[in-house]
Amino acid sequence: YGLPPLSTLNDMLTLMIAAGLVHEIPDADGHTRLYPAFPLPAPHEVFPLDDKELSAQQALRRHHAYGGDSSRIIALFDPTGLRHQEITTNLDRLAHVIDGHAHDARQAVLLLLEGPDFTATTNISEVAPHKVFQLRCDWDTFHAHRIRRGRQGRIAATVPTDGNDST
């Protein structure tokens, strides 16, 4: 954008305006107001990203969009306090559970399958929404991969060092 390196919050705001993330619009009294762009463009649409950063940004967006749905699917493994190793389901049923569509359920399951703790008996990216499959959870790997105990026995989330939880 031809701007000098950022050193102040004003510099950051100037960059955000230049990138089209924020718009300066005068109100009825002529005072300039700042409004965020809607919808916000993806980072790669306003900044040059290398392949590694683009991949990390896409993973963050996917986790943000489908992470809650994945958590609701995980809850199906423990409906009555007994941890099941496997559930038999299909994408239509999962869509009902997450209050979404089969596409959302597919993406949520694919998000689970990125980690080493969940497996499926079929290729989820190609399975028909009505086709039944088994989704399995390895609880030992789940705890080692997703949850760890912090100080004084508190549960803390495990944050991947490279921003990608599939390692």
C-alpha atoms as a PDB file:
ATOM      1  CA  TYR A   1       0.000   0.000   0.000  1.00  0.00           C
ATOM      2  CA  GLY A   2       3.041   2.256  -0.104  1.00  0.00           C
ATOM      3  CA  LEU A   3       2.877   3.099   3.602  1.00  0.00           C
ATOM      4  CA  PRO A   4       5.818   3.341   6.006  1.00  0.00           C
ATOM      5  CA  PRO A   5       6.338   0.591   8.600  1.00  0.00           C
ATOM      6  CA  LEU A   6       3.735   0.563  11.369  1.00  0.00           C
ATOM      7  CA  SER A   7       4.772   2.167  14.638  1.00  0.00           C
ATOM      8  CA  THR A   8       1.559   3.656  16.054  1.00  0.00           C
ATOM      9  CA  LEU A   9      -2.117   2.754  16.280  1.00  0.00           C
ATOM     10  CA  ASN A  10      -2.794   5.576  13.827  1.00  0.00           C
ATOM     11  CA  ASP A  11      -0.428   3.868  11.362  1.00  0.00           C
ATOM     12  CA  MET A  12      -2.407   0.642  11.822  1.00  0.00           C
ATOM     13  CA  LEU A  13      -5.688   2.457  11.223  1.00  0.00           C
ATOM     14  CA  THR A  14      -4.279   4.094   8.088  1.00  0.00           C
ATOM     15  CA  LEU A  15      -3.265   0.663   6.786  1.00  0.00           C
ATOM     16  CA  MET A  16      -6.716  -0.785   7.563  1.00  0.00           C
ATOM     17  CA  ILE A  17      -8.374   2.079   5.670  1.00  0.00           C
ATOM     18  CA  ALA A  18      -5.977   1.674   2.711  1.00  0.00           C
ATOM     19  CA  ALA A  19      -6.669  -2.090   2.639  1.00  0.00           C
ATOM     20  CA  GLY A  20     -10.435  -1.518   2.631  1.00  0.00           C
ATOM     21  CA  LEU A  21     -11.000  -3.151   6.019  1.00  0.00           C
ATOM     22  CA  VAL A  22     -12.340   0.074   7.528  1.00  0.00           C
ATOM     23  CA  HIS A  23     -14.274   2.852   5.787  1.00  0.00           C
ATOM     24  CA  GLU A  24     -14.287   6.529   6.763  1.00  0.00           C
ATOM     25  CA  ILE A  25     -17.834   7.847   6.340  1.00  0.00           C
ATOM     26  CA  PRO A  26     -19.054  11.281   7.460  1.00  0.00           C
ATOM     27  CA  ASP A  27     -22.145  11.278   9.671  1.00  0.00           C
ATOM     28  CA  ALA A  28     -25.045  13.765   9.445  1.00  0.00           C
ATOM     29  CA  ASP A  29     -23.029  16.377  11.368  1.00  0.00           C
ATOM     30  CA  GLY A  30     -20.017  16.007   9.064  1.00  0.00           C
ATOM     31  CA  HIS A  31     -17.903  14.137  11.632  1.00  0.00           C
ATOM     32  CA  THR A  32     -15.934  11.272  10.169  1.00  0.00           C
ATOM     33  CA  ARG A  33     -16.957   7.875  11.539  1.00  0.00           C
ATOM     34  CA  LEU A  34     -15.173   4.587  11.064  1.00  0.00           C
ATOM     35  CA  TYR A  35     -17.119   1.534   9.902  1.00  0.00           C
ATOM     36  CA  PRO A  36     -15.718  -1.955   9.378  1.00  0.00           C
ATOM     37  CA  ALA A  37     -16.114  -3.389   5.895  1.00  0.00           C
ATOM     38  CA  PHE A  38     -18.922  -5.903   5.642  1.00  0.00           C
ATOM     39  CA  PRO A  39     -18.380  -8.629   4.847  1.00  0.00           C
ATOM     40  CA  LEU A  40     -14.742  -8.482   5.804  1.00  0.00           C
ATOM     41  CA  PRO A  41     -12.487  -9.638   2.994  1.00  0.00           C
ATOM     42  CA  ALA A  42     -10.278 -12.635   3.543  1.00  0.00           C
ATOM     43  CA  PRO A  43      -6.659 -11.810   4.468  1.00  0.00           C
ATOM     44  CA  HIS A  44      -5.350 -13.036   1.112  1.00  0.00           C
ATOM     45  CA  GLU A  45      -7.697 -10.585  -0.627  1.00  0.00           C
ATOM     46  CA  VAL A  46      -5.992  -7.557   0.934  1.00  0.00           C
ATOM     47  CA  PHE A  47      -2.465  -8.653   1.855  1.00  0.00           C
ATOM     48  CA  PRO A  48       0.125 -10.726   0.019  1.00  0.00           C
ATOM     49  CA  LEU A  49       0.476 -14.050   1.852  1.00  0.00           C
ATOM     50  CA  ASP A  50       2.911 -16.843   1.178  1.00  0.00           C
ATOM     51  CA  ASP A  51       1.571 -20.382   0.848  1.00  0.00           C
ATOM     52  CA  LYS A  52       2.297 -21.277   4.482  1.00  0.00           C
ATOM     53  CA  GLU A  53       0.481 -18.214   5.842  1.00  0.00           C
ATOM     54  CA  LEU A  54      -2.425 -18.691   3.410  1.00  0.00           C
ATOM     55  CA  SER A  55      -2.801 -22.278   4.616  1.00  0.00           C
ATOM     56  CA  ALA A  56      -2.728 -21.149   8.255  1.00  0.00           C
ATOM     57  CA  GLN A  57      -5.372 -18.481   7.567  1.00  0.00           C
ATOM     58  CA  GLN A  58      -7.632 -20.983   5.825  1.00  0.00           C
ATOM     59  CA  ALA A  59      -7.266 -23.418   8.747  1.00  0.00           C
ATOM     60  CA  LEU A  60      -8.192 -20.666  11.223  1.00  0.00           C
ATOM     61  CA  ARG A  61     -11.304 -19.758   9.234  1.00  0.00           C
ATOM     62  CA  ARG A  62     -12.337 -23.422   8.995  1.00  0.00           C
ATOM     63  CA  HIS A  63     -11.856 -23.904  12.743  1.00  0.00           C
ATOM     64  CA  HIS A  64     -13.818 -20.751  13.456  1.00  0.00           C
ATOM     65  CA  ALA A  65     -16.661 -21.781  11.144  1.00  0.00           C
ATOM     66  CA  TYR A  66     -16.989 -25.449  12.172  1.00  0.00           C
ATOM     67  CA  GLY A  67     -15.273 -25.811  15.565  1.00  0.00           C
ATOM     68  CA  GLY A  68     -18.526 -25.441  17.519  1.00  0.00           C
ATOM     69  CA  ASP A  69     -20.245 -28.025  15.328  1.00  0.00           C
ATOM     70  CA  SER A  70     -17.311 -30.406  15.886  1.00  0.00           C
ATOM     71  CA  SER A  71     -17.699 -29.980  19.641  1.00  0.00           C
ATOM     72  CA  ARG A  72     -21.401 -30.888  19.429  1.00  0.00           C
ATOM     73  CA  ILE A  73     -20.461 -34.021  17.491  1.00  0.00           C
ATOM     74  CA  ILE A  74     -17.885 -34.948  20.142  1.00  0.00           C
ATOM     75  CA  ALA A  75     -20.667 -34.658  22.746  1.00  0.00           C
ATOM     76  CA  LEU A  76     -22.508 -37.499  20.966  1.00  0.00           C
ATOM     77  CA  PHE A  77     -19.793 -39.857  22.182  1.00  0.00           C
ATOM     78  CA  ASP A  78     -20.669 -39.109  25.811  1.00  0.00           C
ATOM     79  CA  PRO A  79     -24.462 -38.645  26.012  1.00  0.00           C
ATOM     80  CA  THR A  80     -25.005 -40.266  29.420  1.00  0.00           C
ATOM     81  CA  GLY A  81     -21.601 -39.998  31.064  1.00  0.00           C
ATOM     82  CA  LEU A  82     -20.342 -43.198  29.426  1.00  0.00           C
ATOM     83  CA  ARG A  83     -17.677 -42.623  26.837  1.00  0.00           C
ATOM     84  CA  HIS A  84     -18.406 -44.473  23.633  1.00  0.00           C
ATOM     85  CA  GLN A  85     -15.557 -45.415  21.320  1.00  0.00           C
ATOM     86  CA  GLU A  86     -17.779 -45.280  18.255  1.00  0.00           C
ATOM     87  CA  ILE A  87     -21.039 -43.830  16.983  1.00  0.00           C
ATOM     88  CA  THR A  88     -23.004 -44.962  13.952  1.00  0.00           C
ATOM     89  CA  THR A  89     -24.505 -42.041  12.097  1.00  0.00           C
ATOM     90  CA  ASN A  90     -24.776 -40.192   8.795  1.00  0.00           C
ATOM     91  CA  LEU A  91     -24.330 -36.577   7.728  1.00  0.00           C
ATOM     92  CA  ASP A  92     -28.081 -35.905   7.696  1.00  0.00           C
ATOM     93  CA  ARG A  93     -28.366 -36.981  11.347  1.00  0.00           C
ATOM     94  CA  LEU A  94     -25.335 -34.941  12.318  1.00  0.00           C
ATOM     95  CA  ALA A  95     -26.768 -31.918  10.502  1.00  0.00           C
ATOM     96  CA  HIS A  96     -29.864 -32.215  12.678  1.00  0.00           C
ATOM     97  CA  VAL A  97     -27.710 -32.378  15.826  1.00  0.00           C
ATOM     98  CA  ILE A  98     -25.746 -29.248  14.909  1.00  0.00           C
ATOM     99  CA  ASP A  99     -28.796 -27.376  13.565  1.00  0.00           C
ATOM    100  CA  GLY A 100     -27.155 -27.051  10.180  1.00  0.00           C
ATOM    101  CA  HIS A 101     -26.924 -28.679   6.782  1.00  0.00           C
ATOM    102  CA  ALA A 102     -25.181 -31.853   5.653  1.00  0.00           C
ATOM    103  CA  HIS A 103     -22.371 -29.675   4.238  1.00  0.00           C
ATOM    104  CA  ASP A 104     -21.781 -28.191   7.699  1.00  0.00           C
ATOM    105  CA  ALA A 105     -21.781 -31.656   9.270  1.00  0.00           C
ATOM    106  CA  ARG A 106     -19.306 -32.885   6.653  1.00  0.00           C
ATOM    107  CA  GLN A 107     -16.959 -29.964   7.368  1.00  0.00           C
ATOM    108  CA  ALA A 108     -17.256 -30.478  11.138  1.00  0.00           C
ATOM    109  CA  VAL A 109     -16.396 -34.184  10.821  1.00  0.00           C
ATOM    110  CA  LEU A 110     -13.511 -33.405   8.471  1.00  0.00           C
ATOM    111  CA  LEU A 111     -12.227 -30.993  11.102  1.00  0.00           C
ATOM    112  CA  LEU A 112     -12.306 -33.800  13.685  1.00  0.00           C
ATOM    113  CA  LEU A 113     -10.535 -36.135  11.286  1.00  0.00           C
ATOM    114  CA  GLU A 114      -7.615 -33.697  10.919  1.00  0.00           C
ATOM    115  CA  GLY A 115      -6.443 -34.765  14.367  1.00  0.00           C
ATOM    116  CA  PRO A 116      -5.072 -38.204  15.248  1.00  0.00           C
ATOM    117  CA  ASP A 117      -7.915 -39.047  17.653  1.00  0.00           C
ATOM    118  CA  PHE A 118     -10.877 -39.482  15.283  1.00  0.00           C
ATOM    119  CA  THR A 119     -11.298 -41.925  12.406  1.00  0.00           C
ATOM    120  CA  ALA A 120     -14.177 -42.797  10.100  1.00  0.00           C
ATOM    121  CA  THR A 121     -15.066 -45.975   8.233  1.00  0.00           C
ATOM    122  CA  THR A 122     -15.605 -44.124   4.967  1.00  0.00           C
ATOM    123  CA  ASN A 123     -14.238 -41.158   3.059  1.00  0.00           C
ATOM    124  CA  ILE A 124     -16.273 -38.337   4.612  1.00  0.00           C
ATOM    125  CA  SER A 125     -15.441 -35.899   1.822  1.00  0.00           C
ATOM    126  CA  GLU A 126     -17.287 -38.142  -0.663  1.00  0.00           C
ATOM    127  CA  VAL A 127     -19.995 -39.917   1.378  1.00  0.00           C
ATOM    128  CA  ALA A 128     -23.636 -39.227   0.498  1.00  0.00           C
ATOM    129  CA  PRO A 129     -25.524 -37.389   3.304  1.00  0.00           C
ATOM    130  CA  HIS A 130     -27.846 -40.374   3.927  1.00  0.00           C
ATOM    131  CA  LYS A 131     -25.084 -43.032   3.891  1.00  0.00           C
ATOM    132  CA  VAL A 132     -24.403 -44.557   7.318  1.00  0.00           C
ATOM    133  CA  PHE A 133     -20.834 -44.698   8.645  1.00  0.00           C
ATOM    134  CA  GLN A 134     -19.008 -45.156  11.939  1.00  0.00           C
ATOM    135  CA  LEU A 135     -17.068 -42.368  13.556  1.00  0.00           C
ATOM    136  CA  ARG A 136     -14.528 -43.508  16.147  1.00  0.00           C
ATOM    137  CA  CYS A 137     -12.715 -41.714  18.941  1.00  0.00           C
ATOM    138  CA  ASP A 138      -9.511 -42.905  20.611  1.00  0.00           C
ATOM    139  CA  TRP A 139      -9.945 -41.297  24.032  1.00  0.00           C
ATOM    140  CA  ASP A 140      -6.311 -41.703  25.100  1.00  0.00           C
ATOM    141  CA  THR A 141      -5.160 -39.873  21.990  1.00  0.00           C
ATOM    142  CA  PHE A 142      -7.985 -37.359  22.428  1.00  0.00           C
ATOM    143  CA  HIS A 143      -6.748 -36.432  25.903  1.00  0.00           C
ATOM    144  CA  ALA A 144      -3.112 -36.309  24.841  1.00  0.00           C
ATOM    145  CA  HIS A 145      -3.888 -34.289  21.709  1.00  0.00           C
ATOM    146  CA  ARG A 146      -6.688 -31.932  22.745  1.00  0.00           C
ATOM    147  CA  ILE A 147      -6.649 -31.662  26.545  1.00  0.00           C
ATOM    148  CA  ARG A 148      -3.911 -31.520  29.150  1.00  0.00           C
ATOM    149  CA  ARG A 149      -3.972 -30.911  32.881  1.00  0.00           C
ATOM    150  CA  GLY A 150      -2.538 -27.594  34.025  1.00  0.00           C
ATOM    151  CA  ARG A 151      -1.442 -26.403  37.451  1.00  0.00           C
ATOM    152  CA  GLN A 152      -3.540 -27.639  40.372  1.00  0.00           C
ATOM    153  CA  GLY A 153      -5.378 -30.123  38.151  1.00  0.00           C
ATOM    154  CA  ARG A 154      -7.112 -27.479  36.050  1.00  0.00           C
ATOM    155  CA  ILE A 155      -7.871 -28.356  32.452  1.00  0.00           C
ATOM    156  CA  ALA A 156      -6.104 -26.234  29.845  1.00  0.00           C
ATOM    157  CA  ALA A 157      -6.302 -26.362  26.068  1.00  0.00           C
ATOM    158  CA  THR A 158      -3.269 -27.633  24.229  1.00  0.00           C
ATOM    159  CA  VAL A 159      -2.178 -25.035  21.691  1.00  0.00           C
ATOM    160  CA  PRO A 160      -0.186 -26.413  18.742  1.00  0.00           C
ATOM    161  CA  THR A 161       3.193 -24.740  18.361  1.00  0.00           C
ATOM    162  CA  ASP A 162       2.829 -24.289  14.601  1.00  0.00           C
ATOM    163  CA  GLY A 163      -0.850 -23.193  14.512  1.00  0.00           C
ATOM    164  CA  ASN A 164      -1.920 -26.493  12.954  1.00  0.00           C
ATOM    165  CA  ASP A 165      -3.443 -29.125  15.243  1.00  0.00           C
ATOM    166  CA  SER A 166      -2.981 -31.938  12.740  1.00  0.00           C
ATOM    167  CA  THR A 167       0.631 -32.496  13.835  1.00  0.00           C
END
